[in-house]
Protein backbone atom coordinates (compact mmCIF):
# COMPACT_ATOMS: atom_id res chain seq x y z
CA MET A 1 -20.85 32.82 31.39
CA LYS A 2 -22.20 30.55 29.21
CA ILE A 3 -23.56 27.03 30.53
CA THR A 4 -22.73 25.07 26.72
CA ASP A 5 -22.91 21.24 28.20
CA ILE A 6 -24.73 19.31 31.22
CA ARG A 7 -24.53 15.66 31.82
CA ILE A 8 -26.39 13.69 34.49
CA ARG A 9 -23.25 11.48 34.65
CA LYS A 10 -25.25 8.96 37.66
CA LEU A 11 -28.90 8.33 39.16
CA PHE A 12 -29.40 7.41 42.54
CA ASN A 13 -32.47 5.74 42.89
CA GLU A 14 -32.60 5.07 46.51
CA GLU A 15 -34.58 6.60 49.24
CA GLY A 16 -31.68 9.13 50.35
CA PRO A 17 -31.56 12.73 49.23
CA MET A 18 -28.87 12.28 46.78
CA LYS A 19 -30.61 11.97 43.42
CA ALA A 20 -27.73 12.18 40.72
CA ILE A 21 -24.62 13.67 40.09
CA ALA A 22 -23.93 16.21 37.41
CA SER A 23 -21.02 17.76 35.40
CA VAL A 24 -21.70 20.98 33.73
CA THR A 25 -19.58 22.62 31.00
CA PHE A 26 -18.68 26.45 30.61
CA ASN A 27 -17.72 28.70 27.46
CA GLU A 28 -17.17 24.95 25.86
CA CYS A 29 -13.49 25.44 28.08
CA LEU A 30 -14.61 24.69 31.63
CA ALA A 31 -16.00 21.54 33.28
CA VAL A 32 -17.00 20.89 36.66
CA HIS A 33 -17.62 17.75 37.97
CA ASP A 34 -19.53 16.42 40.65
CA ILE A 35 -22.46 18.74 41.40
CA LYS A 36 -25.14 17.08 43.27
CA VAL A 37 -28.53 16.74 42.88
CA ILE A 38 -30.42 16.61 46.44
CA TYR A 39 -33.92 16.31 47.21
CA ALA A 40 -34.62 17.56 50.92
CA ARG A 41 -37.16 19.80 52.89
CA GLU A 42 -39.53 18.68 50.15
CA ARG A 43 -37.49 20.69 47.23
CA TYR A 44 -34.90 19.92 45.15
CA PHE A 45 -31.56 21.70 44.72
CA ILE A 46 -27.91 21.09 43.59
CA VAL A 47 -25.01 21.28 46.30
CA MET A 48 -21.76 22.37 44.59
CA PRO A 49 -18.19 19.91 44.87
CA SER A 50 -16.59 20.11 47.98
CA ARG A 51 -13.90 19.21 49.83
CA LYS A 52 -14.05 17.78 53.69
CA ASN A 53 -11.39 19.56 55.85
CA ALA A 54 -9.68 18.27 58.94
CA ASP A 55 -12.00 19.58 61.14
CA GLY A 56 -14.94 17.66 59.48
CA THR A 57 -16.60 20.37 57.21
CA TYR A 58 -17.29 20.63 53.93
CA ARG A 59 -15.57 23.62 51.52
CA ASP A 60 -16.88 24.15 48.53
CA ILE A 61 -14.18 23.95 45.64
CA VAL A 62 -16.26 26.09 43.29
CA HIS A 63 -19.19 28.29 43.72
CA PRO A 64 -21.23 30.66 41.68
CA ILE A 65 -20.22 34.50 43.19
CA ASN A 66 -23.68 35.50 43.17
CA ALA A 67 -27.42 34.65 43.69
CA ASP A 68 -28.38 35.32 40.08
CA PHE A 69 -25.75 32.84 38.72
CA ARG A 70 -26.79 30.22 41.43
CA ASN A 71 -30.28 30.34 40.43
CA ALA A 72 -29.85 29.67 36.68
CA LEU A 73 -26.96 27.09 37.05
CA GLU A 74 -29.52 25.53 39.88
CA ALA A 75 -32.18 25.72 37.19
CA ALA A 76 -30.54 24.16 34.32
CA VAL A 77 -29.11 21.23 36.38
CA LEU A 78 -32.74 20.08 37.81
CA ASP A 79 -33.89 20.54 33.79
CA ALA A 80 -31.42 17.93 32.79
CA TYR A 81 -31.87 15.96 35.72
CA GLU A 82 -35.48 16.08 35.13
CA ARG A 83 -34.88 14.92 31.48
CA ALA A 84 -32.72 12.06 32.65
CA MET A 85 -35.25 10.92 35.02
CA ALA A 86 -37.89 10.74 31.96
CA GLU A 87 -35.49 8.87 29.85
CA ALA A 88 -34.36 6.69 32.87
CA GLU A 89 -38.25 5.54 33.18
CA ALA A 90 -39.09 5.31 29.55
CA MET A 91 -36.16 2.91 29.05
CA GLU A 92 -37.40 0.76 31.99
CA ALA A 93 -40.78 0.86 30.43
CA ALA A 94 -39.36 -0.14 27.44
CA GLU A 95 -37.04 -3.41 28.65
CA ALA A 96 -40.29 -4.44 30.47
CA ILE A 97 -42.52 -4.14 27.22
CA GLU A 98 -39.90 -6.52 25.72
CA ALA A 99 -39.67 -8.76 28.59
CA ALA A 100 -43.15 -9.33 28.75
CA ASP A 101 -43.24 -9.66 24.85
CA ALA A 102 -40.16 -12.34 25.29
CA GLU A 103 -42.15 -14.80 27.91
């Protein structure tokens, strides 16, 4: 299965562990939404979309079947997250320069 698109839908700047929400498209025909980028225990990782059960536990709605694909998916999403963060920081810097020039 080939990852054909990754979109970082939302970035979170808060201090909490959730840093982003992503959507991933496979083979240009299947999209998986609400993959979370988490920072905890001094590392970044992804959490697949899940549903809360009646007993308060969570169950993944969709998930990789093997470790190799999970690692490839995680690496691709984290790479897209890093690019999105760099773009957001560049935009903030450009806006700060424009604001300073306007004064």
